C-alpha atoms as a PDB file:
ATOM      1  CA  MET A   1       0.015  -0.101  -0.010  1.00  0.00           C
ATOM      2  CA  ILE A   2       1.496   3.502  -1.256  1.00  0.00           C
ATOM      3  CA  LEU A   3       0.834   6.534   1.213  1.00  0.00           C
ATOM      4  CA  VAL A   4       1.072   9.794  -0.612  1.00  0.00           C
ATOM      5  CA  THR A   5       1.540  12.933   1.723  1.00  0.00           C
ATOM      6  CA  GLY A   6       0.597  16.365   0.653  1.00  0.00           C
ATOM      7  CA  SER A   7      -1.563  15.059  -2.045  1.00  0.00           C
ATOM      8  CA  SER A   8      -3.368  18.199  -2.699  1.00  0.00           C
ATOM      9  CA  GLY A   9      -0.337  20.116  -3.921  1.00  0.00           C
ATOM     10  CA  GLN A  10       0.875  20.650  -7.298  1.00  0.00           C
ATOM     11  CA  ILE A  11       2.553  17.503  -7.486  1.00  0.00           C
ATOM     12  CA  GLY A  12       0.476  15.374  -5.473  1.00  0.00           C
ATOM     13  CA  THR A  13      -2.575  16.341  -7.467  1.00  0.00           C
ATOM     14  CA  GLU A  14      -1.145  14.668 -10.574  1.00  0.00           C
ATOM     15  CA  LEU A  15       1.040  11.792  -8.442  1.00  0.00           C
ATOM     16  CA  VAL A  16      -2.085  10.377  -7.056  1.00  0.00           C
ATOM     17  CA  PRO A  17      -4.114   9.356  -9.930  1.00  0.00           C
ATOM     18  CA  TYR A  18      -0.661   8.690 -11.733  1.00  0.00           C
ATOM     19  CA  LEU A  19       0.266   5.999  -9.236  1.00  0.00           C
ATOM     20  CA  ALA A  20      -3.408   4.681  -9.040  1.00  0.00           C
ATOM     21  CA  GLU A  21      -3.154   4.034 -12.743  1.00  0.00           C
ATOM     22  CA  LYS A  22       0.099   2.340 -12.406  1.00  0.00           C
ATOM     23  CA  TYR A  23      -0.519   0.350  -9.457  1.00  0.00           C
ATOM     24  CA  GLY A  24      -4.397   0.262  -8.831  1.00  0.00           C
ATOM     25  CA  LYS A  25      -6.767   2.591  -6.893  1.00  0.00           C
ATOM     26  CA  LYS A  26      -7.019   0.070  -4.149  1.00  0.00           C
ATOM     27  CA  ASN A  27      -3.083   0.182  -3.648  1.00  0.00           C
ATOM     28  CA  VAL A  28      -3.041   4.276  -3.105  1.00  0.00           C
ATOM     29  CA  ILE A  29      -3.767   6.341  -0.206  1.00  0.00           C
ATOM     30  CA  ALA A  30      -3.916  10.025  -0.437  1.00  0.00           C
ATOM     31  CA  SER A  31      -3.553  12.248   2.402  1.00  0.00           C
ATOM     32  CA  ASP A  32      -3.467  15.958   3.274  1.00  0.00           C
ATOM     33  CA  ILE A  33      -4.707  18.784   6.000  1.00  0.00           C
ATOM     34  CA  VAL A  34      -7.770  19.511   3.902  1.00  0.00           C
ATOM     35  CA  GLN A  35     -10.018  16.855   2.470  1.00  0.00           C
ATOM     36  CA  ARG A  36     -10.547  17.038  -1.480  1.00  0.00           C
ATOM     37  CA  ASP A  37     -12.076  14.735  -4.325  1.00  0.00           C
ATOM     38  CA  THR A  38      -9.477  12.314  -5.230  1.00  0.00           C
ATOM     39  CA  GLY A  39     -11.662  10.553  -8.026  1.00  0.00           C
ATOM     40  CA  GLY A  40     -12.156   7.440  -5.964  1.00  0.00           C
ATOM     41  CA  ILE A  41      -8.875   6.885  -4.493  1.00  0.00           C
ATOM     42  CA  LYS A  42      -9.196   6.643  -0.761  1.00  0.00           C
ATOM     43  CA  PHE A  43      -8.135   9.846   1.061  1.00  0.00           C
ATOM     44  CA  ILE A  44      -7.402  10.258   4.625  1.00  0.00           C
ATOM     45  CA  THR A  45      -6.786  13.693   6.771  1.00  0.00           C
ATOM     46  CA  LEU A  46      -3.220  13.595   7.789  1.00  0.00           C
ATOM     47  CA  ASP A  47      -0.901  16.273   9.547  1.00  0.00           C
ATOM     48  CA  VAL A  48       2.624  15.094   8.974  1.00  0.00           C
ATOM     49  CA  SER A  49       3.734  17.619  12.098  1.00  0.00           C
ATOM     50  CA  ASN A  50       1.527  15.266  14.230  1.00  0.00           C
ATOM     51  CA  ARG A  51       3.633  11.826  14.662  1.00  0.00           C
ATOM     52  CA  ASP A  52       0.568  10.113  16.380  1.00  0.00           C
ATOM     53  CA  GLU A  53      -1.670  10.859  13.445  1.00  0.00           C
ATOM     54  CA  ILE A  54       1.350   9.246  11.054  1.00  0.00           C
ATOM     55  CA  ASP A  55       1.593   6.493  13.248  1.00  0.00           C
ATOM     56  CA  ARG A  56      -2.038   5.209  13.266  1.00  0.00           C
ATOM     57  CA  ALA A  57      -2.329   5.758   9.409  1.00  0.00           C
ATOM     58  CA  VAL A  58       0.744   3.828   8.617  1.00  0.00           C
ATOM     59  CA  GLU A  59      -0.302   0.846  10.991  1.00  0.00           C
ATOM     60  CA  LYS A  60      -4.003   0.789   9.883  1.00  0.00           C
ATOM     61  CA  TYR A  61      -3.458   0.640   6.190  1.00  0.00           C
ATOM     62  CA  SER A  62      -0.083  -1.670   6.423  1.00  0.00           C
ATOM     63  CA  ILE A  63       1.797   1.171   4.297  1.00  0.00           C
ATOM     64  CA  ASP A  64       4.609  -0.538   2.310  1.00  0.00           C
ATOM     65  CA  ALA A  65       5.856   2.775   0.617  1.00  0.00           C
ATOM     66  CA  ILE A  66       5.535   6.322   1.289  1.00  0.00           C
ATOM     67  CA  PHE A  67       5.732   9.251  -1.162  1.00  0.00           C
ATOM     68  CA  HIS A  68       6.327  12.034   1.133  1.00  0.00           C
ATOM     69  CA  LEU A  69       5.343  15.489  -0.539  1.00  0.00           C
ATOM     70  CA  ALA A  70       3.966  17.699   2.282  1.00  0.00           C
ATOM     71  CA  GLY A  71       5.720  20.588   2.647  1.00  0.00           C
ATOM     72  CA  ILE A  72       5.772  24.602   2.862  1.00  0.00           C
ATOM     73  CA  LEU A  73       7.261  25.998  -0.287  1.00  0.00           C
ATOM     74  CA  SER A  74       9.859  28.720  -0.668  1.00  0.00           C
ATOM     75  CA  ALA A  75       7.826  31.887  -1.090  1.00  0.00           C
ATOM     76  CA  LYS A  76       5.177  31.087   1.604  1.00  0.00           C
ATOM     77  CA  GLY A  77       8.072  29.772   3.870  1.00  0.00           C
ATOM     78  CA  GLU A  78       9.756  33.319   3.760  1.00  0.00           C
ATOM     79  CA  LYS A  79       6.371  34.816   5.065  1.00  0.00           C
ATOM     80  CA  ASP A  80       6.177  32.131   7.912  1.00  0.00           C
ATOM     81  CA  PRO A  81       9.481  30.443   8.469  1.00  0.00           C
ATOM     82  CA  ALA A  82       8.237  28.814  11.669  1.00  0.00           C
ATOM     83  CA  LEU A  83       5.348  26.844  10.085  1.00  0.00           C
ATOM     84  CA  ALA A  84       8.014  25.665   7.198  1.00  0.00           C
ATOM     85  CA  TYR A  85      10.106  24.552   9.953  1.00  0.00           C
ATOM     86  CA  LYS A  86       7.492  22.800  11.719  1.00  0.00           C
ATOM     87  CA  VAL A  87       5.870  21.185   8.367  1.00  0.00           C
ATOM     88  CA  ASN A  88       9.244  20.299   6.708  1.00  0.00           C
ATOM     89  CA  MET A  89      11.462  19.676   9.288  1.00  0.00           C
ATOM     90  CA  ASN A  90       9.374  17.973  11.970  1.00  0.00           C
ATOM     91  CA  GLY A  91       7.106  16.631   9.389  1.00  0.00           C
ATOM     92  CA  THR A  92       9.885  14.961   7.596  1.00  0.00           C
ATOM     93  CA  TYR A  93      11.482  13.390  10.756  1.00  0.00           C
ATOM     94  CA  ASN A  94       8.051  12.003  11.605  1.00  0.00           C
ATOM     95  CA  ILE A  95       7.586  10.309   8.397  1.00  0.00           C
ATOM     96  CA  LEU A  96      11.164   8.706   8.546  1.00  0.00           C
ATOM     97  CA  GLU A  97      10.703   7.664  12.424  1.00  0.00           C
ATOM     98  CA  ALA A  98       7.211   6.308  11.635  1.00  0.00           C
ATOM     99  CA  ALA A  99       8.914   4.241   8.355  1.00  0.00           C
ATOM    100  CA  LYS A 100      11.419   3.018  10.701  1.00  0.00           C
ATOM    101  CA  GLN A 101       9.188   1.824  13.203  1.00  0.00           C
ATOM    102  CA  HIS A 102       6.692   0.053  10.987  1.00  0.00           C
ATOM    103  CA  ARG A 103       9.278  -1.317   8.720  1.00  0.00           C
ATOM    104  CA  VAL A 104       8.058   0.519   5.651  1.00  0.00           C
ATOM    105  CA  GLU A 105      10.024  -0.713   2.404  1.00  0.00           C
ATOM    106  CA  LYS A 106      10.595   2.901   0.941  1.00  0.00           C
ATOM    107  CA  VAL A 107      10.296   6.422   1.278  1.00  0.00           C
ATOM    108  CA  VAL A 108      10.600   8.806  -1.824  1.00  0.00           C
ATOM    109  CA  ILE A 109      11.122  12.592  -0.810  1.00  0.00           C
ATOM    110  CA  PRO A 110      11.107  15.253  -3.659  1.00  0.00           C
ATOM    111  CA  SER A 111      13.669  17.575  -3.250  1.00  0.00           C
ATOM    112  CA  THR A 112      14.398  21.002  -4.788  1.00  0.00           C
ATOM    113  CA  ILE A 113      16.594  23.330  -6.494  1.00  0.00           C
ATOM    114  CA  GLY A 114      15.722  25.577  -3.654  1.00  0.00           C
ATOM    115  CA  VAL A 115      18.772  23.606  -1.777  1.00  0.00           C
ATOM    116  CA  PHE A 116      21.376  25.666  -3.555  1.00  0.00           C
ATOM    117  CA  GLY A 117      22.582  28.928  -2.636  1.00  0.00           C
ATOM    118  CA  PRO A 118      24.794  31.819  -4.080  1.00  0.00           C
ATOM    119  CA  GLU A 119      27.749  29.955  -3.499  1.00  0.00           C
ATOM    120  CA  THR A 120      26.785  27.110  -5.825  1.00  0.00           C
ATOM    121  CA  PRO A 121      27.811  27.244  -9.230  1.00  0.00           C
ATOM    122  CA  LYS A 122      25.418  28.754 -11.794  1.00  0.00           C
ATOM    123  CA  ASN A 123      25.575  26.396 -14.527  1.00  0.00           C
ATOM    124  CA  LYS A 124      25.456  22.624 -15.017  1.00  0.00           C
ATOM    125  CA  VAL A 125      25.591  22.127 -11.452  1.00  0.00           C
ATOM    126  CA  PRO A 126      26.180  18.513 -10.308  1.00  0.00           C
ATOM    127  CA  SER A 127      24.336  16.708  -7.792  1.00  0.00           C
ATOM    128  CA  ILE A 128      27.231  16.783  -4.947  1.00  0.00           C
ATOM    129  CA  THR A 129      28.231  20.203  -4.615  1.00  0.00           C
ATOM    130  CA  ILE A 130      28.157  23.303  -2.198  1.00  0.00           C
ATOM    131  CA  THR A 131      24.456  24.189  -1.256  1.00  0.00           C
ATOM    132  CA  ARG A 132      24.094  26.634   1.579  1.00  0.00           C
ATOM    133  CA  PRO A 133      20.660  27.521   0.660  1.00  0.00           C
ATOM    134  CA  ARG A 134      19.060  30.959   1.875  1.00  0.00           C
ATOM    135  CA  THR A 135      15.282  29.949   2.683  1.00  0.00           C
ATOM    136  CA  MET A 136      13.967  28.178   5.266  1.00  0.00           C
ATOM    137  CA  TYR A 137      12.296  26.033   2.578  1.00  0.00           C
ATOM    138  CA  GLY A 138      15.900  25.284   1.253  1.00  0.00           C
ATOM    139  CA  VAL A 139      17.420  24.658   4.745  1.00  0.00           C
ATOM    140  CA  THR A 140      14.739  21.967   5.273  1.00  0.00           C
ATOM    141  CA  LYS A 141      14.805  20.441   2.163  1.00  0.00           C
ATOM    142  CA  ILE A 142      18.856  19.938   2.316  1.00  0.00           C
ATOM    143  CA  ALA A 143      18.290  18.643   5.334  1.00  0.00           C
ATOM    144  CA  ALA A 144      15.572  16.186   4.638  1.00  0.00           C
ATOM    145  CA  GLU A 145      18.035  14.946   1.751  1.00  0.00           C
ATOM    146  CA  LEU A 146      20.484  14.455   4.588  1.00  0.00           C
ATOM    147  CA  LEU A 147      18.399  12.679   6.664  1.00  0.00           C
ATOM    148  CA  GLY A 148      17.117  10.242   4.226  1.00  0.00           C
ATOM    149  CA  GLN A 149      20.997   9.486   3.542  1.00  0.00           C
ATOM    150  CA  TYR A 150      21.420   9.258   7.585  1.00  0.00           C
ATOM    151  CA  TYR A 151      18.319   6.704   7.974  1.00  0.00           C
ATOM    152  CA  TYR A 152      19.355   4.439   5.182  1.00  0.00           C
ATOM    153  CA  GLU A 153      22.943   4.231   6.359  1.00  0.00           C
ATOM    154  CA  LYS A 154      22.103   4.136   9.995  1.00  0.00           C
ATOM    155  CA  PHE A 155      18.958   2.004  10.148  1.00  0.00           C
ATOM    156  CA  GLY A 156      18.855   0.520   6.669  1.00  0.00           C
ATOM    157  CA  LEU A 157      15.801   2.503   5.562  1.00  0.00           C
ATOM    158  CA  ASP A 158      15.325   2.675   1.923  1.00  0.00           C
ATOM    159  CA  VAL A 159      15.019   6.515   1.445  1.00  0.00           C
ATOM    160  CA  ARG A 160      15.266   8.314  -1.902  1.00  0.00           C
ATOM    161  CA  SER A 161      15.218  11.523  -3.121  1.00  0.00           C
ATOM    162  CA  LEU A 162      15.785  13.829  -6.224  1.00  0.00           C
ATOM    163  CA  ARG A 163      15.857  17.635  -6.688  1.00  0.00           C
ATOM    164  CA  TYR A 164      13.480  18.947  -9.030  1.00  0.00           C
ATOM    165  CA  PRO A 165      13.742  22.134 -10.736  1.00  0.00           C
ATOM    166  CA  GLY A 166      10.471  24.256 -11.386  1.00  0.00           C
ATOM    167  CA  ILE A 167       7.678  22.356 -12.565  1.00  0.00           C
ATOM    168  CA  ILE A 168       5.264  23.525 -15.224  1.00  0.00           C
ATOM    169  CA  SER A 169       1.774  22.040 -14.958  1.00  0.00           C
ATOM    170  CA  TYR A 170      -1.815  22.853 -15.628  1.00  0.00           C
ATOM    171  CA  LYS A 171      -4.012  20.967 -13.198  1.00  0.00           C
ATOM    172  CA  ALA A 172      -3.400  22.455  -9.905  1.00  0.00           C
ATOM    173  CA  GLU A 173      -3.570  26.153  -9.868  1.00  0.00           C
ATOM    174  CA  PRO A 174      -0.524  28.273  -9.092  1.00  0.00           C
ATOM    175  CA  THR A 175       0.310  29.295  -5.551  1.00  0.00           C
ATOM    176  CA  ALA A 176       2.505  32.153  -6.285  1.00  0.00           C
ATOM    177  CA  GLY A 177       5.660  30.412  -5.631  1.00  0.00           C
ATOM    178  CA  THR A 178       8.964  31.092  -6.895  1.00  0.00           C
ATOM    179  CA  THR A 179       8.779  29.451  -9.931  1.00  0.00           C
ATOM    180  CA  ASP A 180       5.114  29.606 -10.564  1.00  0.00           C
ATOM    181  CA  TYR A 181       5.135  32.340 -13.064  1.00  0.00           C
ATOM    182  CA  ALA A 182       6.228  29.607 -15.490  1.00  0.00           C
ATOM    183  CA  VAL A 183       2.789  28.530 -14.865  1.00  0.00           C
ATOM    184  CA  GLU A 184       0.573  31.771 -14.318  1.00  0.00           C
ATOM    185  CA  ILE A 185       1.732  33.169 -17.319  1.00  0.00           C
ATOM    186  CA  PHE A 186      -0.008  30.675 -19.319  1.00  0.00           C
ATOM    187  CA  TYR A 187      -3.343  31.251 -17.794  1.00  0.00           C
ATOM    188  CA  TYR A 188      -3.100  35.294 -18.606  1.00  0.00           C
ATOM    189  CA  ALA A 189      -1.912  34.309 -22.106  1.00  0.00           C
ATOM    190  CA  VAL A 190      -4.746  32.327 -23.048  1.00  0.00           C
ATOM    191  CA  LYS A 191      -7.054  34.956 -21.355  1.00  0.00           C
ATOM    192  CA  ARG A 192      -5.166  37.475 -23.464  1.00  0.00           C
ATOM    193  CA  GLU A 193      -4.638  39.533 -20.318  1.00  0.00           C
ATOM    194  CA  LYS A 194      -1.254  41.366 -19.618  1.00  0.00           C
ATOM    195  CA  TYR A 195       0.761  39.504 -17.343  1.00  0.00           C
ATOM    196  CA  LYS A 196       3.097  41.066 -14.443  1.00  0.00           C
ATOM    197  CA  CYS A 197       5.934  39.123 -13.977  1.00  0.00           C
ATOM    198  CA  TYR A 198       7.608  39.120 -10.618  1.00  0.00           C
ATOM    199  CA  LEU A 199      10.680  37.703 -11.530  1.00  0.00           C
ATOM    200  CA  ALA A 200      13.404  39.836 -13.455  1.00  0.00           C
ATOM    201  CA  PRO A 201      13.089  39.015 -17.445  1.00  0.00           C
ATOM    202  CA  ASN A 202      16.501  37.483 -17.692  1.00  0.00           C
ATOM    203  CA  ARG A 203      16.302  35.253 -14.760  1.00  0.00           C
ATOM    204  CA  ALA A 204      17.224  32.047 -16.031  1.00  0.00           C
ATOM    205  CA  LEU A 205      16.101  28.968 -14.119  1.00  0.00           C
ATOM    206  CA  PRO A 206      15.863  25.208 -14.658  1.00  0.00           C
ATOM    207  CA  MET A 207      12.469  23.813 -15.435  1.00  0.00           C
ATOM    208  CA  MET A 208      10.632  20.580 -16.305  1.00  0.00           C
ATOM    209  CA  TYR A 209       7.160  19.655 -17.441  1.00  0.00           C
ATOM    210  CA  MET A 210       5.029  17.755 -14.903  1.00  0.00           C
ATOM    211  CA  PRO A 211       4.566  14.429 -16.980  1.00  0.00           C
ATOM    212  CA  ASP A 212       8.597  14.143 -16.995  1.00  0.00           C
ATOM    213  CA  ALA A 213       8.472  15.200 -13.301  1.00  0.00           C
ATOM    214  CA  LEU A 214       5.956  12.211 -12.202  1.00  0.00           C
ATOM    215  CA  LYS A 215       7.713   9.864 -14.702  1.00  0.00           C
ATOM    216  CA  ALA A 216      11.015  10.473 -12.932  1.00  0.00           C
ATOM    217  CA  LEU A 217       9.781   9.990  -9.564  1.00  0.00           C
ATOM    218  CA  VAL A 218       8.227   7.005 -10.092  1.00  0.00           C
ATOM    219  CA  ASP A 219      11.215   5.755 -11.897  1.00  0.00           C
ATOM    220  CA  LEU A 220      13.704   6.288  -9.046  1.00  0.00           C
ATOM    221  CA  TYR A 221      11.258   4.569  -6.707  1.00  0.00           C
ATOM    222  CA  GLU A 222      10.944   1.541  -8.958  1.00  0.00           C
ATOM    223  CA  ALA A 223      15.029   1.687  -9.339  1.00  0.00           C
ATOM    224  CA  ASP A 224      17.044  -1.505  -8.365  1.00  0.00           C
ATOM    225  CA  ARG A 225      18.486  -0.450  -4.966  1.00  0.00           C
ATOM    226  CA  ASP A 226      21.809  -2.000  -5.801  1.00  0.00           C
ATOM    227  CA  LYS A 227      22.296   0.088  -8.551  1.00  0.00           C
ATOM    228  CA  LEU A 228      21.593   3.352  -6.606  1.00  0.00           C
ATOM    229  CA  VAL A 229      24.797   5.050  -5.681  1.00  0.00           C
ATOM    230  CA  LEU A 230      23.713   8.724  -4.777  1.00  0.00           C
ATOM    231  CA  ARG A 231      20.637   7.779  -3.541  1.00  0.00           C
ATOM    232  CA  ASN A 232      19.375  11.032  -2.180  1.00  0.00           C
ATOM    233  CA  GLY A 233      19.661  14.259  -3.925  1.00  0.00           C
ATOM    234  CA  TYR A 234      19.708  13.494  -7.409  1.00  0.00           C
ATOM    235  CA  ASN A 235      19.450  16.673  -9.991  1.00  0.00           C
ATOM    236  CA  VAL A 236      16.652  16.234 -12.643  1.00  0.00           C
ATOM    237  CA  THR A 237      15.890  18.621 -15.112  1.00  0.00           C
ATOM    238  CA  ALA A 238      14.593  19.168 -18.755  1.00  0.00           C
ATOM    239  CA  TYR A 239      15.552  22.864 -19.855  1.00  0.00           C
ATOM    240  CA  THR A 240      16.628  26.505 -18.849  1.00  0.00           C
ATOM    241  CA  PHE A 241      14.769  29.804 -19.768  1.00  0.00           C
ATOM    242  CA  THR A 242      14.288  33.178 -18.546  1.00  0.00           C
ATOM    243  CA  PRO A 243      10.650  34.771 -18.249  1.00  0.00           C
ATOM    244  CA  SER A 244      11.569  37.062 -21.530  1.00  0.00           C
ATOM    245  CA  GLU A 245      12.731  33.718 -23.476  1.00  0.00           C
ATOM    246  CA  LEU A 246       9.161  32.132 -22.387  1.00  0.00           C
ATOM    247  CA  TYR A 247       7.078  35.292 -23.096  1.00  0.00           C
ATOM    248  CA  SER A 248       8.694  35.375 -26.643  1.00  0.00           C
ATOM    249  CA  LYS A 249       7.906  31.865 -27.436  1.00  0.00           C
ATOM    250  CA  ILE A 250       4.215  32.149 -26.266  1.00  0.00           C
ATOM    251  CA  LYS A 251       3.805  35.318 -27.981  1.00  0.00           C
ATOM    252  CA  GLU A 252       4.779  33.605 -31.283  1.00  0.00           C
ATOM    253  CA  ARG A 253       1.721  31.381 -30.586  1.00  0.00           C
ATOM    254  CA  ILE A 254      -0.536  34.222 -29.019  1.00  0.00           C
ATOM    255  CA  PRO A 255       0.645  37.439 -30.880  1.00  0.00           C
ATOM    256  CA  GLU A 256      -1.785  39.766 -28.828  1.00  0.00           C
ATOM    257  CA  PHE A 257      -0.029  38.595 -25.315  1.00  0.00           C
ATOM    258  CA  GLU A 258       1.740  41.373 -23.369  1.00  0.00           C
ATOM    259  CA  ILE A 259       3.768  41.066 -20.388  1.00  0.00           C
ATOM    260  CA  GLU A 260       5.518  43.591 -17.749  1.00  0.00           C
ATOM    261  CA  TYR A 261       7.987  43.016 -14.883  1.00  0.00           C
ATOM    262  CA  LYS A 262       7.812  43.940 -11.466  1.00  0.00           C
ATOM    263  CA  GLU A 263      10.163  41.816  -9.517  1.00  0.00           C
ATOM    264  CA  ASP A 264       9.268  41.359  -5.828  1.00  0.00           C
ATOM    265  CA  PHE A 265      11.109  39.217  -3.206  1.00  0.00           C
ATOM    266  CA  ARG A 266      10.708  35.838  -5.261  1.00  0.00           C
ATOM    267  CA  ASP A 267      13.319  37.459  -7.563  1.00  0.00           C
ATOM    268  CA  LYS A 268      15.865  37.581  -4.601  1.00  0.00           C
ATOM    269  CA  ILE A 269      15.067  33.859  -3.843  1.00  0.00           C
ATOM    270  CA  ALA A 270      15.513  32.819  -7.627  1.00  0.00           C
ATOM    271  CA  ALA A 271      19.014  34.652  -7.818  1.00  0.00           C
ATOM    272  CA  THR A 272      20.192  32.579  -5.462  1.00  0.00           C
ATOM    273  CA  TRP A 273      19.582  29.394  -7.318  1.00  0.00           C
ATOM    274  CA  PRO A 274      21.405  27.918 -10.181  1.00  0.00           C
ATOM    275  CA  GLU A 275      20.401  28.609 -14.008  1.00  0.00           C
ATOM    276  CA  SER A 276      20.998  25.017 -15.066  1.00  0.00           C
ATOM    277  CA  LEU A 277      21.440  21.490 -13.708  1.00  0.00           C
ATOM    278  CA  ASP A 278      23.486  18.530 -14.473  1.00  0.00           C
ATOM    279  CA  SER A 279      21.354  15.342 -14.383  1.00  0.00           C
ATOM    280  CA  SER A 280      24.034  12.728 -15.296  1.00  0.00           C
ATOM    281  CA  GLU A 281      23.809  10.763 -12.059  1.00  0.00           C
ATOM    282  CA  ALA A 282      20.161  10.441 -12.468  1.00  0.00           C
ATOM    283  CA  SER A 283      20.531   9.333 -15.826  1.00  0.00           C
ATOM    284  CA  ASN A 284      23.569   7.034 -15.350  1.00  0.00           C
ATOM    285  CA  GLU A 285      22.093   5.075 -12.272  1.00  0.00           C
ATOM    286  CA  TRP A 286      18.383   5.006 -12.951  1.00  0.00           C
ATOM    287  CA  GLY A 287      17.678   5.810 -16.581  1.00  0.00           C
ATOM    288  CA  PHE A 288      16.151   9.375 -16.052  1.00  0.00           C
ATOM    289  CA  SER A 289      15.273  11.103 -19.537  1.00  0.00           C
ATOM    290  CA  ILE A 290      12.755  13.433 -20.549  1.00  0.00           C
ATOM    291  CA  GLU A 291       9.968  13.090 -23.211  1.00  0.00           C
ATOM    292  CA  TYR A 292       9.009  16.919 -23.367  1.00  0.00           C
ATOM    293  CA  ASP A 293      11.245  19.801 -24.699  1.00  0.00           C
ATOM    294  CA  LEU A 294      10.388  23.568 -23.818  1.00  0.00           C
ATOM    295  CA  ASP A 295       8.114  23.988 -27.681  1.00  0.00           C
ATOM    296  CA  ARG A 296       6.292  20.986 -26.683  1.00  0.00           C
ATOM    297  CA  THR A 297       5.676  22.075 -23.180  1.00  0.00           C
ATOM    298  CA  ILE A 298       4.336  25.318 -24.279  1.00  0.00           C
ATOM    299  CA  ASP A 299       2.161  23.915 -27.080  1.00  0.00           C
ATOM    300  CA  ASP A 300       0.335  21.374 -24.416  1.00  0.00           C
ATOM    301  CA  MET A 301       0.119  24.120 -21.814  1.00  0.00           C
ATOM    302  CA  ILE A 302      -1.813  26.398 -24.156  1.00  0.00           C
ATOM    303  CA  ASP A 303      -4.148  23.506 -25.411  1.00  0.00           C
ATOM    304  CA  HIS A 304      -4.848  22.371 -21.740  1.00  0.00           C
ATOM    305  CA  ILE A 305      -5.443  25.779 -19.965  1.00  0.00           C
ATOM    306  CA  SER A 306      -7.451  26.750 -23.147  1.00  0.00           C
ATOM    307  CA  GLU A 307      -9.457  23.528 -23.063  1.00  0.00           C
ATOM    308  CA  LYS A 308      -9.512  24.118 -19.020  1.00  0.00           C
ATOM    309  CA  LEU A 309     -11.073  27.783 -19.121  1.00  0.00           C
ATOM    310  CA  GLY A 310     -13.395  27.046 -22.186  1.00  0.00           C
ATOM    311  CA  ILE A 311     -11.451  29.496 -24.279  1.00  0.00           C
ATOM    312  CA  GLU A 312     -10.715  28.939 -27.970  1.00  0.00           C
ATOM    313  CA  GLY A 313      -6.710  29.023 -28.005  1.00  0.00           C
ATOM    314  CA  LYS A 314      -5.002  26.454 -29.325  1.00  0.00           C
ATOM    315  CA  HIS A 315      -1.347  27.098 -30.250  1.00  0.00           C
ATOM    316  CA  ALA A 316      -0.995  28.911 -33.650  1.00  0.00           C
ATOM    317  CA  LEU A 317       2.383  27.254 -34.693  1.00  0.00           C
END
């Protein structure tokens, strides 16, 4: 039985049905702090900062694997660092302790480019490098990677993690996170409304499309444990672009779309992150690869958001 924490977030919203399709609805349990419709997949209310709740759930449902997605992201974490520490740090510790106690077979924890800081190299950043994050989100996520490795080496708990770049998707609503401009911008473009971008026009960041992100996470989950060397902190990425470059490509498809730039505190966060990542460890150890390049991503986003909003707006190219 697979438990997904944080199932109502951007990744969880799509990971839960992805897992259900792959392993069967009866073998997946979605959880979060707020009830939501999961399309017939079992949902339980679960606060990861409450160890007793986790223990009860893991024991009651005989959990074999946990995808631990629950967390407070970068922008919200800077507004409420105490909450970010409580959910991200204590929550991850609780999950690992419960997994150890109840002999869960695998724990998979998505990490983030937020673990990097201004001392990190800017381009083709390897998985093993200096991190030194400058946000509470980043601090808690690098700690989660290290805790995962500790629990593997100390207790034999099979913990695996990968570092996502910015994730582009259309199913979950954007939450004004640091990289969420790359989701928001499509909603404004399809509606032919001017978009106010909170990142600088030349702020390059690594990104990937949700279908590739989901496949990567499950591929890591299914990988032969004997072939994993790094185990925790695998970089994965698809492409790098700036807000200006993304805008230009969207405008080729929707000529009337306009943008203006008004940087806020999120641009300062993004400035501490790398512009591109090296995914060679993930490729070599468990076959990471992508299917969507940037142009295919843009076309797919425009098509799906047009359909979602009920607007005629198929990509022009």
